[in-house]
C-alpha atoms as a PDB file:
ATOM      1  CA  MET A   1      19.503  96.216 -15.448  1.00  0.00           C
ATOM      2  CA  SER A   2      17.958  99.660 -15.515  1.00  0.00           C
ATOM      3  CA  LEU A   3      15.593 100.887 -18.197  1.00  0.00           C
ATOM      4  CA  SER A   4      18.244 103.320 -19.440  1.00  0.00           C
ATOM      5  CA  ASP A   5      20.830 100.527 -19.664  1.00  0.00           C
ATOM      6  CA  ALA A   6      18.393  98.353 -21.616  1.00  0.00           C
ATOM      7  CA  ALA A   7      17.734 101.168 -24.090  1.00  0.00           C
ATOM      8  CA  GLU A   8      21.471 101.846 -24.470  1.00  0.00           C
ATOM      9  CA  ARG A   9      22.128  98.157 -25.167  1.00  0.00           C
ATOM     10  CA  GLY A  10      19.637  98.212 -28.030  1.00  0.00           C
ATOM     11  CA  TYR A  11      16.675  96.376 -26.539  1.00  0.00           C
ATOM     12  CA  GLY A  12      14.396  99.209 -27.667  1.00  0.00           C
ATOM     13  CA  GLY A  13      13.792 102.867 -27.090  1.00  0.00           C
ATOM     14  CA  TYR A  14      13.323 104.112 -23.546  1.00  0.00           C
ATOM     15  CA  SER A  15       9.686 105.132 -24.186  1.00  0.00           C
ATOM     16  CA  THR A  16       8.899 101.875 -25.964  1.00  0.00           C
ATOM     17  CA  LEU A  17      10.277  99.825 -23.083  1.00  0.00           C
ATOM     18  CA  ARG A  18       8.259 101.888 -20.572  1.00  0.00           C
ATOM     19  CA  LYS A  19       5.089 101.217 -22.593  1.00  0.00           C
ATOM     20  CA  LYS A  20       5.851  97.500 -22.629  1.00  0.00           C
ATOM     21  CA  ILE A  21       6.302  97.577 -18.851  1.00  0.00           C
ATOM     22  CA  SER A  22       3.023  99.481 -18.404  1.00  0.00           C
ATOM     23  CA  SER A  23       1.137  97.010 -20.612  1.00  0.00           C
ATOM     24  CA  GLY A  24       2.599  94.036 -18.715  1.00  0.00           C
ATOM     25  CA  GLU A  25       4.391  92.742 -21.806  1.00  0.00           C
ATOM     26  CA  LEU A  26       7.780  93.317 -20.133  1.00  0.00           C
ATOM     27  CA  PRO A  27       8.117  92.304 -16.465  1.00  0.00           C
ATOM     28  CA  ALA A  28      10.019  94.802 -14.332  1.00  0.00           C
ATOM     29  CA  GLU A  29      10.505  95.621 -10.676  1.00  0.00           C
ATOM     30  CA  ARG A  30      10.150  99.188  -9.539  1.00  0.00           C
ATOM     31  CA  VAL A  31      12.718 100.348  -7.006  1.00  0.00           C
ATOM     32  CA  GLY A  32      12.075 103.934  -6.028  1.00  0.00           C
ATOM     33  CA  ARG A  33      11.663 105.836  -9.274  1.00  0.00           C
ATOM     34  CA  ARG A  34      13.620 103.312 -11.362  1.00  0.00           C
ATOM     35  CA  TYR A  35      12.612 100.125 -13.133  1.00  0.00           C
ATOM     36  CA  LEU A  36      14.879  97.093 -12.993  1.00  0.00           C
ATOM     37  CA  ILE A  37      14.571  94.525 -15.754  1.00  0.00           C
ATOM     38  CA  LEU A  38      16.051  91.044 -16.076  1.00  0.00           C
ATOM     39  CA  GLU A  39      18.150  90.564 -19.201  1.00  0.00           C
ATOM     40  CA  THR A  40      16.399  87.232 -19.818  1.00  0.00           C
ATOM     41  CA  ASP A  41      13.064  89.095 -20.026  1.00  0.00           C
ATOM     42  CA  LEU A  42      14.574  91.516 -22.535  1.00  0.00           C
ATOM     43  CA  GLU A  43      15.928  88.625 -24.606  1.00  0.00           C
ATOM     44  CA  ALA A  44      12.487  86.975 -24.580  1.00  0.00           C
ATOM     45  CA  LEU A  45      11.027  90.226 -25.857  1.00  0.00           C
ATOM     46  CA  LEU A  46      13.325  90.040 -28.893  1.00  0.00           C
ATOM     47  CA  ALA A  47      12.482  86.418 -29.712  1.00  0.00           C
ATOM     48  CA  PRO A  48      10.506  86.198 -32.972  1.00  0.00           C
ATOM     49  CA  VAL A  49       6.845  85.304 -32.713  1.00  0.00           C
ATOM     50  CA  VAL A  50       5.978  82.424 -34.999  1.00  0.00           C
ATOM     51  CA  GLY A  51       2.636  82.924 -36.691  1.00  0.00           C
ATOM     52  CA  ARG A  52      -0.284  84.932 -35.455  1.00  0.00           C
ATOM     53  CA  PRO A  53      -3.188  83.511 -33.512  1.00  0.00           C
ATOM     54  CA  THR A  54      -6.191  82.764 -35.645  1.00  0.00           C
ATOM     55  CA  GLU A  55      -9.398  84.670 -35.030  1.00  0.00           C
ATOM     56  CA  HIS A  56     -10.886  81.490 -33.576  1.00  0.00           C
ATOM     57  CA  ALA A  57      -7.969  81.093 -31.151  1.00  0.00           C
ATOM     58  CA  SER A  58      -8.244  84.755 -30.112  1.00  0.00           C
ATOM     59  CA  VAL A  59     -11.982  84.456 -29.477  1.00  0.00           C
ATOM     60  CA  SER A  60     -11.501  81.194 -27.573  1.00  0.00           C
ATOM     61  CA  ALA A  61      -8.802  82.778 -25.413  1.00  0.00           C
ATOM     62  CA  ALA A  62     -11.087  85.750 -24.672  1.00  0.00           C
ATOM     63  CA  ILE A  63     -13.933  83.410 -23.698  1.00  0.00           C
ATOM     64  CA  ASP A  64     -11.587  81.455 -21.412  1.00  0.00           C
ATOM     65  CA  ARG A  65     -10.532  84.693 -19.658  1.00  0.00           C
ATOM     66  CA  ILE A  66     -14.164  85.762 -19.170  1.00  0.00           C
ATOM     67  CA  VAL A  67     -15.207  82.354 -17.844  1.00  0.00           C
ATOM     68  CA  ALA A  68     -12.237  82.241 -15.449  1.00  0.00           C
ATOM     69  CA  SER A  69     -13.116  85.628 -13.969  1.00  0.00           C
ATOM     70  CA  ALA A  70     -16.904  85.179 -13.848  1.00  0.00           C
ATOM     71  CA  PRO A  71     -18.681  84.467 -10.557  1.00  0.00           C
ATOM     72  CA  ARG A  72     -20.373  81.107 -10.002  1.00  0.00           C
ATOM     73  CA  LEU A  73     -23.959  81.088 -11.237  1.00  0.00           C
ATOM     74  CA  SER A  74     -26.905  79.466  -9.536  1.00  0.00           C
ATOM     75  CA  LYS A  75     -28.880  76.774 -11.384  1.00  0.00           C
ATOM     76  CA  GLU A  76     -31.617  79.315 -12.115  1.00  0.00           C
ATOM     77  CA  GLN A  77     -29.120  81.826 -13.500  1.00  0.00           C
ATOM     78  CA  ARG A  78     -27.528  79.158 -15.730  1.00  0.00           C
ATOM     79  CA  GLU A  79     -30.949  78.132 -17.053  1.00  0.00           C
ATOM     80  CA  ARG A  80     -31.914  81.744 -17.753  1.00  0.00           C
ATOM     81  CA  LEU A  81     -28.609  82.388 -19.514  1.00  0.00           C
ATOM     82  CA  ALA A  82     -28.991  79.221 -21.593  1.00  0.00           C
ATOM     83  CA  THR A  83     -32.497  80.304 -22.603  1.00  0.00           C
ATOM     84  CA  LEU A  84     -31.278  83.775 -23.552  1.00  0.00           C
ATOM     85  CA  LEU A  85     -28.463  82.307 -25.647  1.00  0.00           C
ATOM     86  CA  GLY A  86     -30.819  79.871 -27.360  1.00  0.00           C
ATOM     87  CA  GLY A  87     -29.479  76.681 -25.821  1.00  0.00           C
ATOM     88  CA  GLY A  88     -30.926  74.048 -23.540  1.00  0.00           C
ATOM     89  CA  ALA A  89     -30.749  74.146 -19.751  1.00  0.00           C
ATOM     90  CA  ALA A  90     -27.250  73.633 -18.368  1.00  0.00           C
END
């Protein structure tokens, strides 16, 4: 459905839905100047979130993202990094 249709059906305000699309929170396909959204994605957006992630879980998730995107290090680079962080050689 279109962004306007989604707003009219009560899934959120037009501007709010556009922000959610821009942030990647709401998947949408752009066709010309219009966004098309699956109703299942809109329904998922309305589903209640149970609990909030703990600070530890948030930090762990951030570390996982950094590690996944980091380039491979040489043995020398790993040893230098371990020394800088106060740990033993990796």
